């Protein structure tokens, strides 16, 4: 019997068809996966906002703020080698720790620029604040109530901010900390980070850096930002 082999032209035709089909299918697959991450980010931010609202209902406030001439928010970083509790403070400034140079509103910001404070806040919300053999002194959630579920992979036997646990403290689907803004002057509004002439109604506002992992100050192309802006924010429609 005469054997028939594929010719080079036939192989090239088949390869061309496969490439065309891949070009049609892959964008849809990648786009679907990306949309899934965006949906997850929105769900995460809603859960964090709900946890903060529950803390507000429980304590009559979200954050405890000092009453001295320069208001500041204190957060615990754990115990020192001598067993003494370590504390750090954030205050009104322009370094994203506690911002609000506009005197009509003051709000704390927890984000990638202040991961120690961010991790401490999430540890308090999830009631997972452990450092060494000690439980960190809870500054805001003093009753240690679990308002937010910890990541299922979080190891409660290890320090809350250990190298293995810190990335599990409610990061967005692209690995960045969410930017959490919390009003601390009781006026129930927060200055928009992308437009300081406008305000967001409510005690909290949160946004994710989105797929590109860059801080666009909450701006998204669909909400009037530049075409590369892709942040996902709770105040977006």
Protein backbone atom coordinates (compact mmCIF):
# COMPACT_ATOMS: atom_id res chain seq x y z
CA UNK A 1 0.00 0.00 0.00
CA UNK A 2 1.20 3.48 -0.81
CA UNK A 3 1.87 5.58 2.31
CA UNK A 4 0.66 9.18 2.32
CA UNK A 5 2.50 11.86 4.27
CA UNK A 6 1.52 15.40 5.16
CA UNK A 7 3.11 17.94 2.90
CA UNK A 8 4.82 21.05 4.28
CA UNK A 9 2.00 23.19 2.89
CA UNK A 10 -0.63 21.12 4.71
CA UNK A 11 1.29 21.36 7.98
CA UNK A 12 1.61 25.11 7.60
CA UNK A 13 -2.12 25.38 6.94
CA UNK A 14 -2.92 23.40 10.09
CA UNK A 15 -0.49 25.47 12.19
CA UNK A 16 -2.03 28.65 10.78
CA UNK A 17 -5.53 27.51 11.70
CA UNK A 18 -4.40 26.66 15.25
CA UNK A 19 -2.75 30.08 15.64
CA UNK A 20 -5.89 31.84 14.42
CA UNK A 21 -8.12 29.88 16.78
CA UNK A 22 -5.76 30.56 19.69
CA UNK A 23 -5.83 34.25 18.85
CA UNK A 24 -9.62 34.19 19.03
CA UNK A 25 -9.98 32.08 22.17
CA UNK A 26 -7.10 33.22 24.41
CA UNK A 27 -8.21 36.87 24.79
CA UNK A 28 -11.63 35.67 25.90
CA UNK A 29 -10.08 33.27 28.43
CA UNK A 30 -7.65 35.89 29.76
CA UNK A 31 -10.37 38.53 29.85
CA UNK A 32 -12.66 36.19 31.76
CA UNK A 33 -9.96 35.47 34.33
CA UNK A 34 -9.25 39.18 34.73
CA UNK A 35 -12.94 39.95 35.16
CA UNK A 36 -13.07 37.30 37.85
CA UNK A 37 -10.25 39.06 39.74
CA UNK A 38 -12.04 42.40 39.42
CA UNK A 39 -15.23 40.85 40.81
CA UNK A 40 -13.22 39.38 43.69
CA UNK A 41 -11.67 42.78 44.47
CA UNK A 42 -15.12 44.38 44.62
CA UNK A 43 -16.35 41.62 46.95
CA UNK A 44 -13.28 42.04 49.19
CA UNK A 45 -13.75 45.79 49.49
CA UNK A 46 -17.42 45.35 50.31
CA UNK A 47 -16.51 42.85 53.04
CA UNK A 48 -13.90 45.21 54.54
CA UNK A 49 -16.37 48.11 54.50
CA UNK A 50 -18.98 45.95 56.20
CA UNK A 51 -16.47 44.90 58.86
CA UNK A 52 -15.58 48.54 59.53
CA UNK A 53 -19.28 49.46 59.72
CA UNK A 54 -19.86 46.68 62.26
CA UNK A 55 -16.93 47.92 64.33
CA UNK A 56 -18.44 51.41 64.19
CA UNK A 57 -21.79 50.05 65.43
CA UNK A 58 -20.08 48.10 68.20
CA UNK A 59 -17.85 50.85 69.55
CA UNK A 60 -19.53 54.01 68.32
CA UNK A 61 -16.42 54.75 66.23
CA UNK A 62 -14.04 52.92 63.90
CA UNK A 63 -10.66 54.23 65.01
CA UNK A 64 -9.56 55.58 68.35
CA UNK A 65 -7.97 58.98 67.81
CA UNK A 66 -5.93 60.90 70.37
CA UNK A 67 -7.44 64.13 71.62
CA UNK A 68 -4.22 66.13 71.81
CA UNK A 69 -3.36 69.14 69.69
CA UNK A 70 -2.08 66.93 66.86
CA UNK A 71 -4.62 64.10 66.41
CA UNK A 72 -3.05 60.75 65.65
CA UNK A 73 -3.98 57.10 65.35
CA UNK A 74 -1.95 54.51 67.25
CA UNK A 75 -1.44 50.95 66.09
CA UNK A 76 0.41 48.05 67.67
CA UNK A 77 3.33 46.33 65.99
CA UNK A 78 3.78 43.63 68.62
CA UNK A 79 6.01 43.02 71.61
CA UNK A 80 9.67 44.01 71.83
CA UNK A 81 12.45 41.69 72.96
CA UNK A 82 11.91 42.91 76.52
CA UNK A 83 8.22 42.10 76.39
CA UNK A 84 7.15 45.75 76.22
CA UNK A 85 4.43 46.50 73.71
CA UNK A 86 5.59 48.36 70.63
CA UNK A 87 3.37 51.10 69.23
CA UNK A 88 3.64 53.36 66.26
CA UNK A 89 1.51 56.35 65.45
CA UNK A 90 0.17 57.95 62.33
CA UNK A 91 -0.64 61.64 62.35
CA UNK A 92 -2.01 64.34 60.11
CA UNK A 93 0.51 64.80 57.35
CA UNK A 94 0.90 64.44 53.60
CA UNK A 95 2.70 61.10 53.71
CA UNK A 96 -0.42 58.91 53.39
CA UNK A 97 -0.27 57.82 57.03
CA UNK A 98 -2.97 60.18 58.16
CA UNK A 99 -3.93 62.78 55.60
CA UNK A 100 -6.31 65.67 55.50
CA UNK A 101 -4.56 68.99 55.00
CA UNK A 102 -8.03 70.20 54.00
CA UNK A 103 -9.29 71.15 57.46
CA UNK A 104 -12.89 70.30 56.52
CA UNK A 105 -12.18 66.59 56.72
CA UNK A 106 -9.57 64.35 58.30
CA UNK A 107 -9.10 60.71 57.50
CA UNK A 108 -6.62 57.90 58.11
CA UNK A 109 -5.17 56.04 55.13
CA UNK A 110 -3.96 52.45 55.29
CA UNK A 111 -2.20 51.22 52.16
CA UNK A 112 0.98 49.91 50.53
CA UNK A 113 2.84 53.00 51.74
CA UNK A 114 2.12 52.11 55.37
CA UNK A 115 2.00 48.31 55.47
CA UNK A 116 2.76 48.06 59.20
CA UNK A 117 -0.39 50.04 59.99
CA UNK A 118 -2.38 48.21 57.30
CA UNK A 119 -1.36 44.77 58.58
CA UNK A 120 -2.15 45.79 62.15
CA UNK A 121 -5.62 47.06 61.17
CA UNK A 122 -6.45 43.84 59.29
CA UNK A 123 -5.12 41.77 62.19
CA UNK A 124 -7.49 43.63 64.51
CA UNK A 125 -10.47 43.21 62.16
CA UNK A 126 -9.78 39.48 61.77
CA UNK A 127 -8.81 39.03 65.45
CA UNK A 128 -5.54 37.39 64.43
CA UNK A 129 -3.19 39.81 66.18
CA UNK A 130 -0.49 37.56 67.59
CA UNK A 131 3.18 38.44 67.89
CA UNK A 132 5.47 35.80 69.35
CA UNK A 133 3.85 34.42 72.49
CA UNK A 134 1.84 37.61 73.01
CA UNK A 135 -1.40 38.93 71.59
CA UNK A 136 -0.87 42.44 70.31
CA UNK A 137 -2.60 45.18 72.31
CA UNK A 138 -5.68 45.89 70.23
CA UNK A 139 -5.94 49.65 69.79
CA UNK A 140 -9.28 49.87 67.98
CA UNK A 141 -11.04 46.51 68.27
CA UNK A 142 -10.47 46.29 72.02
CA UNK A 143 -12.87 43.36 72.53
CA UNK A 144 -11.01 41.31 69.89
CA UNK A 145 -14.20 40.56 67.96
CA UNK A 146 -13.79 38.86 64.57
CA UNK A 147 -15.42 41.31 62.17
CA UNK A 148 -13.64 39.97 59.09
CA UNK A 149 -12.80 36.38 58.17
CA UNK A 150 -9.05 35.67 57.99
CA UNK A 151 -7.58 34.00 54.93
CA UNK A 152 -8.05 30.22 55.11
CA UNK A 153 -4.27 29.77 54.69
CA UNK A 154 -3.44 32.14 57.55
CA UNK A 155 -1.42 30.40 60.29
CA UNK A 156 -2.66 31.61 63.69
CA UNK A 157 0.33 29.97 65.38
CA UNK A 158 2.72 32.37 63.64
CA UNK A 159 3.13 36.14 63.98
CA UNK A 160 0.39 38.03 62.17
CA UNK A 161 2.96 40.00 60.19
CA UNK A 162 5.42 37.17 59.51
CA UNK A 163 6.72 36.70 55.97
CA UNK A 164 4.24 33.88 55.42
CA UNK A 165 1.20 35.54 57.04
CA UNK A 166 1.54 39.17 55.94
CA UNK A 167 0.68 38.47 52.26
CA UNK A 168 -2.53 36.81 53.49
CA UNK A 169 -3.76 39.90 55.32
CA UNK A 170 -6.40 40.80 52.77
CA UNK A 171 -4.39 41.72 49.68
CA UNK A 172 -6.13 42.35 46.38
CA UNK A 173 -6.08 39.64 43.64
CA UNK A 174 -2.90 41.20 42.22
CA UNK A 175 -1.03 41.06 45.52
CA UNK A 176 -1.30 44.68 46.69
CA UNK A 177 -2.80 45.99 49.90
CA UNK A 178 -6.13 47.73 49.43
CA UNK A 179 -6.13 51.46 50.11
CA UNK A 180 -8.49 51.94 53.06
CA UNK A 181 -9.55 55.48 53.98
CA UNK A 182 -11.38 56.05 57.27
CA UNK A 183 -12.88 59.34 58.41
CA UNK A 184 -11.79 60.32 61.92
CA UNK A 185 -13.52 63.65 62.50
CA UNK A 186 -17.15 62.46 62.52
CA UNK A 187 -18.19 64.38 59.41
CA UNK A 188 -18.98 61.23 57.40
CA UNK A 189 -17.13 62.24 54.30
CA UNK A 190 -13.71 61.63 52.76
CA UNK A 191 -11.84 63.77 50.30
CA UNK A 192 -11.47 62.04 46.93
CA UNK A 193 -7.81 61.15 46.34
CA UNK A 194 -8.12 61.85 42.60
CA UNK A 195 -9.94 65.18 42.97
CA UNK A 196 -9.44 67.12 46.20
CA UNK A 197 -12.36 69.40 45.36
CA UNK A 198 -14.82 66.52 45.72
CA UNK A 199 -15.86 64.27 48.58
CA UNK A 200 -17.04 60.70 49.02
CA UNK A 201 -20.02 60.37 51.32
CA UNK A 202 -19.62 57.97 54.21
CA UNK A 203 -17.09 57.05 56.88
CA UNK A 204 -15.03 54.72 54.71
CA UNK A 205 -13.82 54.43 51.13
CA UNK A 206 -11.59 51.74 49.64
CA UNK A 207 -9.86 51.17 46.34
CA UNK A 208 -7.57 48.60 44.69
CA UNK A 209 -4.68 49.45 42.39
CA UNK A 210 -6.31 47.11 39.88
CA UNK A 211 -4.70 44.87 37.23
CA UNK A 212 -1.77 47.16 36.43
CA UNK A 213 -0.71 47.31 40.09
CA UNK A 214 -0.19 51.07 39.94
CA UNK A 215 -1.77 53.65 42.21
CA UNK A 216 -3.99 55.82 40.01
CA UNK A 217 -5.57 57.48 43.08
CA UNK A 218 -8.80 55.55 42.54
CA UNK A 219 -9.23 56.65 38.93
CA UNK A 220 -10.60 54.30 36.30
CA UNK A 221 -10.87 54.88 32.56
CA UNK A 222 -14.55 53.98 32.68
CA UNK A 223 -15.07 56.66 35.34
CA UNK A 224 -13.36 59.49 33.49
CA UNK A 225 -9.69 58.67 34.06
CA UNK A 226 -7.00 58.25 31.45
CA UNK A 227 -7.13 55.12 29.29
CA UNK A 228 -4.47 53.37 31.40
CA UNK A 229 -6.19 54.10 34.74
CA UNK A 230 -7.72 50.90 36.07
CA UNK A 231 -8.20 51.30 39.82
CA UNK A 232 -11.30 49.67 41.32
CA UNK A 233 -13.00 51.87 43.92
CA UNK A 234 -16.02 51.58 46.19
CA UNK A 235 -17.29 54.93 44.98
CA UNK A 236 -17.33 53.90 41.34
CA UNK A 237 -20.71 53.12 39.80
